Every structure is written in structure tokens, then in C-alpha cells.
Amino acid sequence: MNRRHTPYPVAVGVSVLAVALLAGCTASTDDGTPPEGATIAQSLRPEIVRELPHDPDAFTQGLEISDGTLYESTGRVGRSWVRATEFDTGAERARADLMRPMFGEGITVVGDTVWQLTWKDGVAVARDRDTLTQKQQVRYDGEGWGLCAQPDRLVMSNGSDSLTFRDPATFEPTGSVDVTLDGRSIDQLNELECSSDGFVYANVWQTDTILRIDPATGVAVGRIDAAALREALPSGESRDIDVLNGIAQIPGTDRFLVTGKLWPRMFEVRFVA
């Protein structure tokens, strides 16, 4: 698996393939229908409220809004950084580059700390939320993909069908849950957002699908087809775009900020039936 860059035509092809594969994942019946008794996810779509500019050179891996600040992390070796900007104005408050050869991944904010994952380096970086300077590093097993924070724990993805819960202070694992969609295991869980209603939103890598997951059971109760966002990108500005990646709830609202790797736009959306 190469997470560095997937050209758009290839990404679309893989996306179609991945969606098709969802119908044939483990635990399905022979005719592709959901297993008996399975919870069927509600079909949703993003309703665009407004468009905002986005750095087209940002290979976005994590996105979060906290106390009026938009935090974003990016990937690729030698080009991974974390940036804090004023959400209302876009003015940069702080920025920090990730040391080579690490490949940056998801981020989240807990108290006065920004936690940043790395892909295959097995390192989580704790940063000061105001200056983004490094405070410490901790080790973890396996890959790091997405990260978000609930009131008493962190939620982390690693590209599998599992979400791992971690202590927000020590980063030690405290449990896990396997994720299912319509009764079938679903892997490639990537960027995460812990919403104020207790659900976890996760995009499925290389697709335009975002899942709304109950973290208590791992069941995806909603499935969002976000393909319309890619189609809404301005003509002439979307030649080099990569996959959808980046979900952040706008605090105090039912709206979310959604973008992708190398996208020239961010979209403020509501998820509606």
C-alpha cells in the first residue's frame, strides 16, 4: 500500500473497486444481502453550506477545529507538517515540520496537547497546542492512520477494521472495537472525527465513503456518499487532487468541514438523508 500519492484517475478506479468489494466482505450472505439481524446503515449525503479555500499542496492527513483554531496535519516524507490557523480568517498561528524520515498522519487536540500520529514509524508526537513545539514522543505498535478525542479517551485507526482506544495522557491502549457496515467487516478506516453526539466519523481510504460509527459496538449506523464534493471542486483546479481525507466538526453546530489530499477547497457541510 502506497499512501504517498494516488493520481486521480487511479483513485477513482480504486474507489469504484473498493465500493464494489464492500458488497463481498466477510460475513455477507451468498447473494450479497446483509446477514440476518444486521443493522443497516442510513444512507446520507453532504449538503454543501459553503466553500472555503484550502492549500492545494497540503497532503491532508488530519483535520480538527478547537477553540476557534483549525489544526491540520499532512503526510509524505520530508513534507509532513502540522499547522494551526484561525478558523475565521485563515491567519497562521503556528507551524511545525515533522523530522525526517517520519511520515505524518492524523492529529487530535486534548487539553493543551496536540497528538500527531506517524504512518509506519510507530511514533506519536505530543505537541504544545499553542506553539506546536514537540513535548514528547511515545511509541506504539503497528501503523498510525487517524486519530480523534472523546471526553475520556482517544480513538485511533490503523487501516484495519478496528478502532483502538487510548489513554489521552499516556497514549497506552485501553481497548478496541471491530467495525462493521451492514453486518460486514469494513477495513481501510482512515481519518477520524469524534463528534459531539458520541459518534465517530471515519473515511474509508481510497473511496468517497464516510462512515458514522457507534464506538460502543463498532456498528456503522450511517454511510455518507461524499462523491459530490469531488464533483464540486472548481474546474481547472482539480487536476492533481488525491483522495478525500479530512473531517472536522465545527464546534457547537451540526456542520462539518471536509476536504482531501491536495484539494484546493474545503467544504462546510451537513450530513443529510
Protein backbone atom coordinates (compact mmCIF):
# COMPACT_ATOMS: atom_id res chain seq x y z
CA MET A 1 0.00 0.00 0.00
CA ASN A 2 1.37 3.36 -1.04
CA ARG A 3 -0.10 6.32 0.81
CA ARG A 4 2.11 8.91 -0.81
CA HIS A 5 0.05 9.79 -3.84
CA THR A 6 -2.60 8.19 -5.99
CA PRO A 7 -3.28 10.07 -9.26
CA TYR A 8 -6.94 10.99 -9.62
CA PRO A 9 -7.86 8.56 -12.46
CA VAL A 10 -6.35 5.68 -10.49
CA ALA A 11 -8.01 6.84 -7.28
CA VAL A 12 -11.41 6.85 -8.97
CA GLY A 13 -10.85 3.36 -10.31
CA VAL A 14 -9.74 2.05 -6.96
CA SER A 15 -12.65 3.85 -5.31
CA VAL A 16 -15.15 2.08 -7.55
CA LEU A 17 -13.42 -1.22 -6.90
CA ALA A 18 -13.36 -0.65 -3.15
CA VAL A 19 -17.07 0.18 -3.05
CA ALA A 20 -17.79 -2.94 -5.06
CA LEU A 21 -15.73 -5.01 -2.67
CA LEU A 22 -17.81 -3.79 0.27
CA ALA A 23 -20.60 -5.98 -1.03
CA GLY A 24 -18.37 -9.05 -0.82
CA CYS A 25 -16.66 -8.59 2.54
CA THR A 26 -16.64 -11.32 5.13
CA ALA A 27 -19.87 -12.25 6.93
CA SER A 28 -22.07 -11.47 3.91
CA THR A 29 -24.58 -13.95 2.52
CA ASP A 30 -24.04 -15.72 -0.78
CA ASP A 31 -26.27 -13.29 -2.70
CA GLY A 32 -24.61 -10.20 -1.19
CA THR A 33 -27.52 -9.26 1.06
CA PRO A 34 -26.75 -8.24 4.67
CA PRO A 35 -26.69 -11.03 7.26
CA GLU A 36 -29.94 -11.63 9.11
CA GLY A 37 -30.34 -9.23 12.02
CA ALA A 38 -27.61 -6.86 10.82
CA THR A 39 -28.04 -3.14 11.45
CA ILE A 40 -28.39 -1.39 8.11
CA ALA A 41 -26.59 1.94 7.89
CA GLN A 42 -28.62 5.01 7.00
CA SER A 43 -27.70 6.46 3.61
CA LEU A 44 -26.59 10.09 3.87
CA ARG A 45 -25.07 12.75 1.65
CA PRO A 46 -23.22 16.02 2.30
CA GLU A 47 -25.28 19.18 1.85
CA ILE A 48 -22.81 21.96 0.99
CA VAL A 49 -23.26 25.07 3.14
CA ARG A 50 -20.24 26.97 1.82
CA GLU A 51 -16.82 26.52 0.24
CA LEU A 52 -13.54 27.67 1.77
CA PRO A 53 -10.02 27.85 0.32
CA HIS A 54 -7.56 25.04 1.04
CA ASP A 55 -3.84 24.75 0.39
CA PRO A 56 -3.59 22.64 -2.81
CA ASP A 57 -0.12 21.49 -1.73
CA ALA A 58 -1.40 20.08 1.59
CA PHE A 59 -1.39 16.27 1.57
CA THR A 60 -4.01 16.31 4.31
CA GLN A 61 -3.96 13.55 6.93
CA GLY A 62 -5.76 15.11 9.90
CA LEU A 63 -8.16 18.00 10.48
CA GLU A 64 -9.65 19.38 13.69
CA ILE A 65 -11.22 22.60 14.98
CA SER A 66 -10.72 23.57 18.63
CA ASP A 67 -11.37 26.93 20.33
CA GLY A 68 -11.51 28.81 17.05
CA THR A 69 -8.31 27.25 15.70
CA LEU A 70 -8.13 24.91 12.72
CA TYR A 71 -5.41 22.28 13.10
CA GLU A 72 -4.22 20.37 10.04
CA SER A 73 -1.55 17.70 9.58
CA THR A 74 -0.04 16.46 6.34
CA GLY A 75 1.97 13.47 5.15
CA ARG A 76 4.86 12.48 2.87
CA VAL A 77 8.47 12.12 3.97
CA GLY A 78 10.24 15.47 4.22
CA ARG A 79 6.99 17.37 3.63
CA SER A 80 4.96 16.44 6.71
CA TRP A 81 3.87 19.35 8.89
CA VAL A 82 1.27 20.46 11.41
CA ARG A 83 -0.30 23.88 11.15
CA ALA A 84 -2.64 25.94 13.34
CA THR A 85 -4.68 28.71 11.70
CA GLU A 86 -7.52 30.96 12.79
CA PHE A 87 -10.65 29.27 11.55
CA ASP A 88 -12.46 32.52 10.75
CA THR A 89 -9.63 34.35 8.97
CA GLY A 90 -7.15 31.68 7.87
CA ALA A 91 -4.27 33.54 9.52
CA GLU A 92 -1.46 31.17 10.54
CA ARG A 93 -0.75 30.97 14.27
CA ALA A 94 1.88 28.24 14.36
CA ARG A 95 3.50 25.59 12.20
CA ALA A 96 5.90 22.71 12.84
CA ASP A 97 7.63 20.34 10.44
CA LEU A 98 7.94 16.64 11.21
CA MET A 99 11.50 15.38 11.32
CA ARG A 100 12.69 13.08 8.53
CA PRO A 101 12.18 10.22 7.80
CA MET A 102 8.79 10.22 9.55
CA PHE A 103 5.55 10.35 7.56
CA GLY A 104 2.83 12.39 9.29
CA GLU A 105 -0.69 11.12 9.82
CA GLY A 106 -3.77 12.06 11.88
CA ILE A 107 -3.97 14.58 14.75
CA THR A 108 -6.26 15.48 17.61
CA VAL A 109 -6.37 18.05 20.42
CA VAL A 110 -6.61 17.09 24.11
CA GLY A 111 -6.31 19.84 26.70
CA ASP A 112 -3.08 21.70 26.00
CA THR A 113 -1.71 18.94 23.75
CA VAL A 114 -1.91 18.15 20.05
CA TRP A 115 -1.25 14.46 19.42
CA GLN A 116 0.20 13.63 15.98
CA LEU A 117 0.50 10.13 14.52
CA THR A 118 3.10 8.80 12.12
CA TRP A 119 2.38 6.17 9.49
CA LYS A 120 4.93 3.35 9.80
CA ASP A 121 7.32 4.90 12.32
CA GLY A 122 5.40 3.76 15.40
CA VAL A 123 5.74 7.20 16.98
CA ALA A 124 3.12 9.56 18.37
CA VAL A 125 4.28 13.13 18.90
CA ALA A 126 2.79 15.25 21.69
CA ARG A 127 2.92 18.97 20.84
CA ASP A 128 2.07 22.17 22.67
CA ARG A 129 -1.27 23.28 21.25
CA ASP A 130 -0.29 26.95 21.09
CA THR A 131 3.22 26.75 19.62
CA LEU A 132 3.16 23.18 18.16
CA THR A 133 6.61 22.58 19.61
CA GLN A 134 7.30 18.97 20.50
CA LYS A 135 6.86 18.00 24.15
CA GLN A 136 7.47 14.28 23.94
CA GLN A 137 7.33 11.18 21.77
CA VAL A 138 5.74 7.85 22.66
CA ARG A 139 5.91 4.51 20.87
CA TYR A 140 3.02 2.35 19.66
CA ASP A 141 2.75 -0.91 17.75
CA GLY A 142 1.61 -1.07 14.15
CA GLU A 143 0.67 1.73 11.78
CA GLY A 144 -0.94 5.07 12.58
CA TRP A 145 -3.68 6.49 10.35
CA GLY A 146 -6.45 8.53 12.00
CA LEU A 147 -6.97 9.98 15.48
CA CYS A 148 -9.71 11.79 17.40
CA ALA A 149 -10.60 12.53 21.01
CA GLN A 150 -13.63 11.69 23.10
CA PRO A 151 -14.05 13.14 26.61
CA ASP A 152 -12.17 10.32 28.36
CA ARG A 153 -10.15 8.61 25.63
CA LEU A 154 -8.53 8.80 22.20
CA VAL A 155 -9.77 6.79 19.22
CA MET A 156 -7.19 5.63 16.66
CA SER A 157 -7.32 3.84 13.31
CA ASN A 158 -4.54 1.86 11.65
CA GLY A 159 -6.02 0.98 8.25
CA SER A 160 -7.65 -2.21 9.51
CA ASP A 161 -11.28 -2.84 10.50
CA SER A 162 -10.53 -2.00 14.15
CA LEU A 163 -10.55 1.19 16.20
CA THR A 164 -8.18 1.31 19.18
CA PHE A 165 -8.96 3.31 22.32
CA ARG A 166 -6.03 5.01 24.08
CA ASP A 167 -5.35 6.92 27.25
CA PRO A 168 -5.25 10.65 26.37
CA ALA A 169 -2.30 11.30 28.70
CA THR A 170 -0.06 8.26 28.22
CA PHE A 171 -1.25 7.04 24.79
CA GLU A 172 -1.42 3.49 26.18
CA PRO A 173 -4.12 1.27 24.58
CA THR A 174 -7.19 0.68 26.72
CA GLY A 175 -9.39 -1.37 24.38
CA SER A 176 -10.60 -1.78 20.82
CA VAL A 177 -13.70 -2.44 18.73
CA ASP A 178 -14.17 -4.04 15.31
CA VAL A 179 -16.16 -2.01 12.79
CA THR A 180 -18.94 -3.44 10.63
CA LEU A 181 -21.05 -1.96 7.85
CA ASP A 182 -24.40 -3.68 7.20
CA GLY A 183 -23.12 -6.69 9.13
CA ARG A 184 -19.82 -7.00 7.25
CA SER A 185 -16.31 -6.16 8.36
CA ILE A 186 -15.01 -2.95 6.81
CA ASP A 187 -11.32 -2.07 6.77
CA GLN A 188 -9.19 0.82 5.41
CA LEU A 189 -10.60 3.06 8.16
CA ASN A 190 -8.60 6.28 7.91
CA GLU A 191 -9.13 9.88 9.11
CA LEU A 192 -11.35 10.13 12.18
CA GLU A 193 -13.55 12.74 13.82
CA CYS A 194 -15.14 12.25 17.25
CA SER A 195 -18.37 14.22 17.10
CA SER A 196 -20.18 15.89 19.98
CA ASP A 197 -23.04 13.36 19.78
CA GLY A 198 -20.68 10.50 20.67
CA PHE A 199 -20.29 9.00 17.21
CA VAL A 200 -17.02 8.56 15.33
CA TYR A 201 -16.84 9.58 11.68
CA ALA A 202 -14.28 7.71 9.57
CA ASN A 203 -13.47 7.99 5.91
CA VAL A 204 -12.74 4.74 4.07
CA TRP A 205 -9.40 5.18 2.33
CA GLN A 206 -9.43 5.42 -1.48
CA THR A 207 -13.20 5.87 -1.56
CA ASP A 208 -15.60 8.80 -1.17
CA THR A 209 -17.34 7.00 1.71
CA ILE A 210 -17.53 8.37 5.26
CA LEU A 211 -18.94 6.13 7.99
CA ARG A 212 -20.82 7.23 11.12
CA ILE A 213 -19.79 4.67 13.73
CA ASP A 214 -21.15 3.83 17.17
CA PRO A 215 -17.88 3.32 19.10
CA ALA A 216 -19.62 1.22 21.76
CA THR A 217 -20.46 -1.52 19.25
CA GLY A 218 -18.38 -0.76 16.16
CA VAL A 219 -21.55 -0.70 14.05
CA ALA A 220 -21.66 1.89 11.26
CA VAL A 221 -25.11 3.45 11.68
CA GLY A 222 -24.65 5.86 8.76
CA ARG A 223 -22.92 5.73 5.40
CA ILE A 224 -22.19 9.04 3.66
CA ASP A 225 -21.56 9.16 -0.08
CA ALA A 226 -19.33 12.24 -0.43
CA ALA A 227 -18.60 11.90 -4.15
CA ALA A 228 -20.49 15.13 -4.78
CA LEU A 229 -17.73 17.08 -3.03
CA ARG A 230 -15.13 15.93 -5.54
CA GLU A 231 -17.51 16.85 -8.34
CA ALA A 232 -17.97 20.33 -6.81
CA LEU A 233 -14.25 21.17 -6.99
CA PRO A 234 -13.66 24.05 -9.38
CA SER A 235 -12.93 23.07 -12.96
CA GLY A 236 -9.25 23.58 -13.75
CA GLU A 237 -8.20 23.39 -10.09
CA SER A 238 -8.71 19.69 -9.54
CA ARG A 239 -6.15 18.13 -11.88
CA ASP A 240 -3.84 16.84 -9.16
CA ILE A 241 -6.32 16.09 -6.40
CA ASP A 242 -5.99 12.88 -4.43
CA VAL A 243 -8.42 11.04 -2.17
CA LEU A 244 -10.91 12.52 0.29
CA ASN A 245 -9.25 12.89 3.68
CA GLY A 246 -10.01 15.38 6.43
CA ILE A 247 -13.13 15.61 8.61
CA ALA A 248 -13.67 18.15 11.40
CA GLN A 249 -16.88 19.01 13.21
CA ILE A 250 -17.46 22.74 13.63
CA PRO A 251 -17.95 23.02 17.41
CA GLY A 252 -21.43 23.88 18.60
CA THR A 253 -23.04 23.06 15.24
CA ASP A 254 -24.28 20.10 13.20
CA ARG A 255 -21.85 21.03 10.41
CA PHE A 256 -18.53 19.52 9.39
CA LEU A 257 -15.50 20.67 7.44
CA VAL A 258 -14.45 18.12 4.81
CA THR A 259 -11.51 18.20 2.39
CA GLY A 260 -8.98 15.89 0.74
CA LYS A 261 -5.33 15.43 -0.08
CA LEU A 262 -4.19 18.22 -2.44
CA TRP A 263 -7.72 19.61 -2.71
CA PRO A 264 -7.94 23.34 -3.49
CA ARG A 265 -11.16 23.65 -1.48
CA MET A 266 -12.67 22.72 1.86
CA PHE A 267 -16.42 22.27 2.19
CA GLU A 268 -18.62 23.15 5.13
CA VAL A 269 -21.39 20.55 5.02
CA ARG A 270 -24.30 18.99 6.82
CA PHE A 271 -24.85 15.25 6.51
CA VAL A 272 -28.47 14.76 5.45
CA ALA A 273 -30.67 11.87 4.35
